[in-house]
Amino acid sequence: MVVKEKRGRRRYIAFRVSPELTKDTMISRLRKAGDESVYVVQCSEGWMIVRCSPSDAEGTVRIVKYADPSSGSLRTSGTLASLRNEYPELKRLRPVRRAV
């Protein structure tokens, strides 16, 4: 079985946001806005990546704009690697993986 058949496809959306926002702050704002489906992959120094389903991509852009009115979406992609290759700052700010 292919993994995508099991968990479904995903979309990653890159945003420019207010530089003072942190991942925890953005998660809190999204929850207050009533959206539990958006996953914040990374958020720091004015850059953010969120993950959602393909059908929720447009709604995700709207809800992020509501949570941070100064935000703007840059690009939507099916992979994190392509976003990080397009915007080197996202690669530089990538969170460190935790050892298991």
Protein backbone atom coordinates (compact mmCIF):
# COMPACT_ATOMS: atom_id res chain seq x y z
CA MET A 1 0.00 0.00 0.00
CA VAL A 2 1.24 3.47 -0.89
CA VAL A 3 1.55 5.87 2.05
CA LYS A 4 -0.52 8.53 0.28
CA GLU A 5 -3.42 6.09 0.02
CA LYS A 6 -3.32 5.59 3.76
CA ARG A 7 -2.86 9.16 5.08
CA GLY A 8 -3.86 11.22 2.05
CA ARG A 9 -2.02 13.91 0.14
CA ARG A 10 -0.71 17.03 1.81
CA ARG A 11 0.00 20.59 0.78
CA TYR A 12 2.61 22.85 2.30
CA ILE A 13 2.13 26.61 2.11
CA ALA A 14 4.89 29.15 2.70
CA PHE A 15 3.97 32.50 4.26
CA ARG A 16 5.63 35.75 5.23
CA VAL A 17 4.28 36.71 8.66
CA SER A 18 4.99 39.27 11.37
CA PRO A 19 8.61 38.78 12.52
CA GLU A 20 7.67 38.66 16.21
CA LEU A 21 5.40 35.61 15.78
CA THR A 22 6.57 32.26 17.10
CA LYS A 23 5.23 28.81 16.31
CA ASP A 24 3.38 28.60 19.64
CA THR A 25 1.82 32.04 19.18
CA MET A 26 0.63 31.18 15.68
CA ILE A 27 -0.81 27.84 16.80
CA SER A 28 -2.71 29.66 19.55
CA ARG A 29 -4.09 32.23 17.10
CA LEU A 30 -5.18 29.54 14.63
CA ARG A 31 -6.97 27.61 17.40
CA LYS A 32 -8.76 30.78 18.55
CA ALA A 33 -9.84 31.34 14.95
CA GLY A 34 -11.46 27.89 15.11
CA ASP A 35 -9.15 25.91 12.81
CA GLU A 36 -7.85 22.64 14.21
CA SER A 37 -6.81 21.14 10.87
CA VAL A 38 -3.84 23.39 10.06
CA TYR A 39 -0.45 22.14 11.25
CA VAL A 40 2.31 24.73 11.71
CA VAL A 41 5.53 23.09 10.48
CA GLN A 42 7.77 26.05 11.29
CA CYS A 43 7.39 29.71 12.18
CA SER A 44 10.22 32.10 13.03
CA GLU A 45 11.83 35.36 11.91
CA GLY A 46 8.88 36.28 9.72
CA TRP A 47 8.69 32.99 7.77
CA MET A 48 6.15 30.20 8.22
CA ILE A 49 5.19 26.88 6.64
CA VAL A 50 1.85 25.22 7.33
CA ARG A 51 0.56 21.81 6.29
CA CYS A 52 -3.01 21.08 5.21
CA SER A 53 -4.98 18.84 2.88
CA PRO A 54 -5.25 19.85 -0.80
CA SER A 55 -8.96 20.62 -0.44
CA ASP A 56 -8.28 22.94 2.53
CA ALA A 57 -5.49 24.98 0.90
CA GLU A 58 -7.58 28.05 0.02
CA GLY A 59 -9.30 28.04 3.40
CA THR A 60 -5.93 27.72 5.12
CA VAL A 61 -4.66 30.88 3.40
CA ARG A 62 -7.78 32.74 4.57
CA ILE A 63 -7.52 31.52 8.16
CA VAL A 64 -3.81 32.43 8.39
CA LYS A 65 -4.62 35.88 6.99
CA TYR A 66 -7.30 36.20 9.68
CA ALA A 67 -4.88 35.07 12.43
CA ASP A 68 -2.15 37.48 11.20
CA PRO A 69 -3.51 40.26 8.97
CA SER A 70 0.01 41.22 7.85
CA SER A 71 0.68 37.71 6.47
CA GLY A 72 0.91 36.82 2.82
CA SER A 73 1.09 33.43 1.15
CA LEU A 74 4.08 32.90 -1.13
CA ARG A 75 3.73 29.45 -2.65
CA THR A 76 1.91 26.15 -2.24
CA SER A 77 3.74 22.88 -2.80
CA GLY A 78 3.36 19.15 -2.33
CA THR A 79 6.77 18.84 -0.64
CA LEU A 80 8.69 20.69 2.03
CA ALA A 81 11.92 20.28 0.08
CA SER A 82 10.71 22.29 -2.90
CA LEU A 83 9.55 25.15 -0.65
CA ARG A 84 12.85 25.20 1.20
CA ASN A 85 14.81 25.10 -2.07
CA GLU A 86 12.77 28.02 -3.42
CA TYR A 87 13.20 30.09 -0.24
CA PRO A 88 16.63 29.50 1.35
CA GLU A 89 15.54 31.31 4.54
CA LEU A 90 13.08 28.50 5.20
CA LYS A 91 15.91 26.00 4.91
CA ARG A 92 18.12 28.04 7.25
CA LEU A 93 15.32 28.37 9.83
CA ARG A 94 14.31 24.70 9.63
CA PRO A 95 13.76 23.28 13.13
CA VAL A 96 16.29 20.73 14.33
CA ARG A 97 14.97 17.19 14.39
CA ARG A 98 14.69 15.61 17.80
CA ALA A 99 16.62 12.41 18.45
CA VAL A 100 14.36 9.45 19.09
